[in-house]
Amino acid sequence: MLSFLIARDTMHQNQWLAVIEELGGVTAVHPIPNSVPQSEERREFSYPFMSTLRDGESATGEARWTRGQSIDGKGEFSITPPFEPFGQVPKLAAPDPRGYAQLEQMTGGGGILGTVKRALTAD
């Protein structure tokens, strides 16, 4: 799984570099969503690196993108533990049968995942 995720990260990095090249390189004007006022941005998410470790530490140490002044000069990079989920548990509809989902998915939570969920939520 890790080798797959590393490969996908390579693809995503190359995609961004290709897009930047296609749009005229690093010195060109790029289509950044600047039509939304920055005052409406959820600033608490603008500059922290969300570590996957619960204590908020990171193997990145003093990496440039985790500490110090942000590149845009409007904030400070930091490391934070993962945020708690926002909102409620989504209520998803059954999948479209044309998608050939597994029978357990079509019948609403059967199989081992449904069994585990029922065991965890039982009083």
C-alpha atoms as a PDB file:
ATOM      1  CA  MET A   1       0.000   0.000   0.000  1.00  0.00           C
ATOM      2  CA  LEU A   2       2.801   2.405   0.881  1.00  0.00           C
ATOM      3  CA  SER A   3       4.537   1.878  -2.456  1.00  0.00           C
ATOM      4  CA  PHE A   4       1.214   2.577  -4.205  1.00  0.00           C
ATOM      5  CA  LEU A   5       0.704   5.814  -2.244  1.00  0.00           C
ATOM      6  CA  ILE A   6       4.266   6.939  -2.975  1.00  0.00           C
ATOM      7  CA  ALA A   7       3.684   6.251  -6.666  1.00  0.00           C
ATOM      8  CA  ARG A   8       0.442   8.284  -6.599  1.00  0.00           C
ATOM      9  CA  ASP A   9       2.268  11.129  -4.862  1.00  0.00           C
ATOM     10  CA  THR A  10       4.827  11.093  -7.679  1.00  0.00           C
ATOM     11  CA  MET A  11       1.977  11.322 -10.183  1.00  0.00           C
ATOM     12  CA  HIS A  12       0.321  14.237  -8.364  1.00  0.00           C
ATOM     13  CA  GLN A  13       3.587  16.168  -8.116  1.00  0.00           C
ATOM     14  CA  ASN A  14       4.210  15.642 -11.809  1.00  0.00           C
ATOM     15  CA  GLN A  15       0.658  16.686 -12.653  1.00  0.00           C
ATOM     16  CA  TRP A  16       1.057  19.981 -10.788  1.00  0.00           C
ATOM     17  CA  LEU A  17       4.411  20.622 -12.448  1.00  0.00           C
ATOM     18  CA  ALA A  18       2.906  19.859 -15.877  1.00  0.00           C
ATOM     19  CA  VAL A  19       0.003  22.232 -15.209  1.00  0.00           C
ATOM     20  CA  ILE A  20       2.365  25.002 -14.136  1.00  0.00           C
ATOM     21  CA  GLU A  21       4.425  24.419 -17.285  1.00  0.00           C
ATOM     22  CA  GLU A  22       1.307  24.398 -19.459  1.00  0.00           C
ATOM     23  CA  LEU A  23       0.148  27.678 -17.921  1.00  0.00           C
ATOM     24  CA  GLY A  24       3.378  29.480 -18.700  1.00  0.00           C
ATOM     25  CA  GLY A  25       5.810  28.442 -15.995  1.00  0.00           C
ATOM     26  CA  VAL A  26       6.420  29.702 -12.492  1.00  0.00           C
ATOM     27  CA  THR A  27       6.521  33.387 -13.459  1.00  0.00           C
ATOM     28  CA  ALA A  28       3.141  33.417 -15.246  1.00  0.00           C
ATOM     29  CA  VAL A  29      -0.179  34.462 -13.750  1.00  0.00           C
ATOM     30  CA  HIS A  30      -2.049  31.331 -12.669  1.00  0.00           C
ATOM     31  CA  PRO A  31      -5.789  30.722 -12.174  1.00  0.00           C
ATOM     32  CA  ILE A  32      -5.833  30.878  -8.403  1.00  0.00           C
ATOM     33  CA  PRO A  33      -9.327  31.243  -6.929  1.00  0.00           C
ATOM     34  CA  ASN A  34      -8.932  34.894  -6.017  1.00  0.00           C
ATOM     35  CA  SER A  35     -12.591  35.748  -6.625  1.00  0.00           C
ATOM     36  CA  VAL A  36     -13.515  34.597  -3.112  1.00  0.00           C
ATOM     37  CA  PRO A  37     -12.585  37.197  -0.493  1.00  0.00           C
ATOM     38  CA  GLN A  38      -9.789  35.883   1.688  1.00  0.00           C
ATOM     39  CA  SER A  39     -11.770  37.144   4.703  1.00  0.00           C
ATOM     40  CA  GLU A  40     -14.202  34.255   4.053  1.00  0.00           C
ATOM     41  CA  GLU A  41     -11.418  31.664   4.169  1.00  0.00           C
ATOM     42  CA  ARG A  42     -11.299  29.350   7.187  1.00  0.00           C
ATOM     43  CA  ARG A  43      -7.958  30.744   8.337  1.00  0.00           C
ATOM     44  CA  GLU A  44      -7.442  28.047  10.967  1.00  0.00           C
ATOM     45  CA  PHE A  45      -6.774  25.659   8.072  1.00  0.00           C
ATOM     46  CA  SER A  46      -4.659  27.976   5.910  1.00  0.00           C
ATOM     47  CA  TYR A  47      -1.174  27.314   7.273  1.00  0.00           C
ATOM     48  CA  PRO A  48      -0.981  24.315   9.624  1.00  0.00           C
ATOM     49  CA  PHE A  49       0.509  21.044   8.429  1.00  0.00           C
ATOM     50  CA  MET A  50      -1.934  18.414   9.662  1.00  0.00           C
ATOM     51  CA  SER A  51       0.239  15.672  11.064  1.00  0.00           C
ATOM     52  CA  THR A  52      -1.136  12.145  11.054  1.00  0.00           C
ATOM     53  CA  LEU A  53       0.285  11.647  14.541  1.00  0.00           C
ATOM     54  CA  ARG A  54      -2.206  12.334  17.340  1.00  0.00           C
ATOM     55  CA  ASP A  55       0.250  14.440  19.356  1.00  0.00           C
ATOM     56  CA  GLY A  56       0.807  16.757  16.391  1.00  0.00           C
ATOM     57  CA  GLU A  57       4.469  15.957  16.020  1.00  0.00           C
ATOM     58  CA  SER A  58       5.908  15.052  12.679  1.00  0.00           C
ATOM     59  CA  ALA A  59       8.875  13.246  11.241  1.00  0.00           C
ATOM     60  CA  THR A  60       9.438  16.377   9.153  1.00  0.00           C
ATOM     61  CA  GLY A  61      11.224  18.131  12.011  1.00  0.00           C
ATOM     62  CA  GLU A  62      11.994  21.708  11.059  1.00  0.00           C
ATOM     63  CA  ALA A  63      10.889  21.446   7.424  1.00  0.00           C
ATOM     64  CA  ARG A  64      10.300  24.806   5.702  1.00  0.00           C
ATOM     65  CA  TRP A  65       6.610  24.027   5.172  1.00  0.00           C
ATOM     66  CA  THR A  66       5.972  23.229   8.859  1.00  0.00           C
ATOM     67  CA  ARG A  67       7.641  26.128  10.679  1.00  0.00           C
ATOM     68  CA  GLY A  68       8.057  29.855  10.187  1.00  0.00           C
ATOM     69  CA  GLN A  69       6.608  32.530   7.940  1.00  0.00           C
ATOM     70  CA  SER A  70       4.366  31.316   5.106  1.00  0.00           C
ATOM     71  CA  ILE A  71       5.438  31.926   1.525  1.00  0.00           C
ATOM     72  CA  ASP A  72       2.624  34.433   0.962  1.00  0.00           C
ATOM     73  CA  GLY A  73       3.676  36.360   4.073  1.00  0.00           C
ATOM     74  CA  LYS A  74       0.165  36.251   5.563  1.00  0.00           C
ATOM     75  CA  GLY A  75       0.612  33.557   8.207  1.00  0.00           C
ATOM     76  CA  GLU A  76       2.866  31.190  10.075  1.00  0.00           C
ATOM     77  CA  PHE A  77       3.358  27.545   9.177  1.00  0.00           C
ATOM     78  CA  SER A  78       2.833  25.154  12.080  1.00  0.00           C
ATOM     79  CA  ILE A  79       2.274  21.485  12.822  1.00  0.00           C
ATOM     80  CA  THR A  80      -1.051  20.407  14.291  1.00  0.00           C
ATOM     81  CA  PRO A  81      -2.629  17.090  15.166  1.00  0.00           C
ATOM     82  CA  PRO A  82      -5.416  15.955  12.869  1.00  0.00           C
ATOM     83  CA  PHE A  83      -8.608  17.931  13.301  1.00  0.00           C
ATOM     84  CA  GLU A  84     -11.705  16.206  14.572  1.00  0.00           C
ATOM     85  CA  PRO A  85     -14.291  15.615  11.842  1.00  0.00           C
ATOM     86  CA  PHE A  86     -16.765  18.419  11.225  1.00  0.00           C
ATOM     87  CA  GLY A  87     -20.488  17.890  10.762  1.00  0.00           C
ATOM     88  CA  GLN A  88     -22.548  14.801  11.250  1.00  0.00           C
ATOM     89  CA  VAL A  89     -22.176  11.254   9.994  1.00  0.00           C
ATOM     90  CA  PRO A  90     -23.404  11.338   6.398  1.00  0.00           C
ATOM     91  CA  LYS A  91     -26.528   9.408   5.464  1.00  0.00           C
ATOM     92  CA  LEU A  92     -25.635   7.864   2.137  1.00  0.00           C
ATOM     93  CA  ALA A  93     -28.123   6.420  -0.300  1.00  0.00           C
ATOM     94  CA  ALA A  94     -27.721   2.899  -1.613  1.00  0.00           C
ATOM     95  CA  PRO A  95     -25.338   2.702  -4.573  1.00  0.00           C
ATOM     96  CA  ASP A  96     -26.669   2.593  -8.103  1.00  0.00           C
ATOM     97  CA  PRO A  97     -27.034  -1.103  -9.078  1.00  0.00           C
ATOM     98  CA  ARG A  98     -25.401  -0.334 -12.417  1.00  0.00           C
ATOM     99  CA  GLY A  99     -22.147   0.277 -10.515  1.00  0.00           C
ATOM    100  CA  TYR A 100     -21.894  -3.441  -9.668  1.00  0.00           C
ATOM    101  CA  ALA A 101     -21.369  -2.836  -5.950  1.00  0.00           C
ATOM    102  CA  GLN A 102     -20.976  -5.848  -3.700  1.00  0.00           C
ATOM    103  CA  LEU A 103     -24.177  -7.360  -2.330  1.00  0.00           C
ATOM    104  CA  GLU A 104     -23.302  -6.201   1.211  1.00  0.00           C
ATOM    105  CA  GLN A 105     -23.054  -2.613  -0.036  1.00  0.00           C
ATOM    106  CA  MET A 106     -26.384  -2.851  -1.811  1.00  0.00           C
ATOM    107  CA  THR A 107     -28.225  -4.173   1.250  1.00  0.00           C
ATOM    108  CA  GLY A 108     -27.043  -1.500   3.647  1.00  0.00           C
ATOM    109  CA  GLY A 109     -24.135  -2.568   5.797  1.00  0.00           C
ATOM    110  CA  GLY A 110     -24.067  -6.335   5.752  1.00  0.00           C
ATOM    111  CA  GLY A 111     -20.882  -8.328   5.776  1.00  0.00           C
ATOM    112  CA  ILE A 112     -18.009  -7.971   8.205  1.00  0.00           C
ATOM    113  CA  LEU A 113     -18.065  -4.161   8.282  1.00  0.00           C
ATOM    114  CA  GLY A 114     -21.753  -4.149   9.185  1.00  0.00           C
ATOM    115  CA  THR A 115     -21.131  -6.752  11.868  1.00  0.00           C
ATOM    116  CA  VAL A 116     -18.289  -4.719  13.369  1.00  0.00           C
ATOM    117  CA  LYS A 117     -20.340  -1.512  13.234  1.00  0.00           C
ATOM    118  CA  ARG A 118     -23.305  -3.149  14.969  1.00  0.00           C
ATOM    119  CA  ALA A 119     -20.999  -4.591  17.655  1.00  0.00           C
ATOM    120  CA  LEU A 120     -19.377  -1.201  18.320  1.00  0.00           C
ATOM    121  CA  THR A 121     -22.644   0.724  18.468  1.00  0.00           C
ATOM    122  CA  ALA A 122     -24.612  -1.777  20.562  1.00  0.00           C
ATOM    123  CA  ASP A 123     -25.330  -0.791  24.154  1.00  0.00           C
END
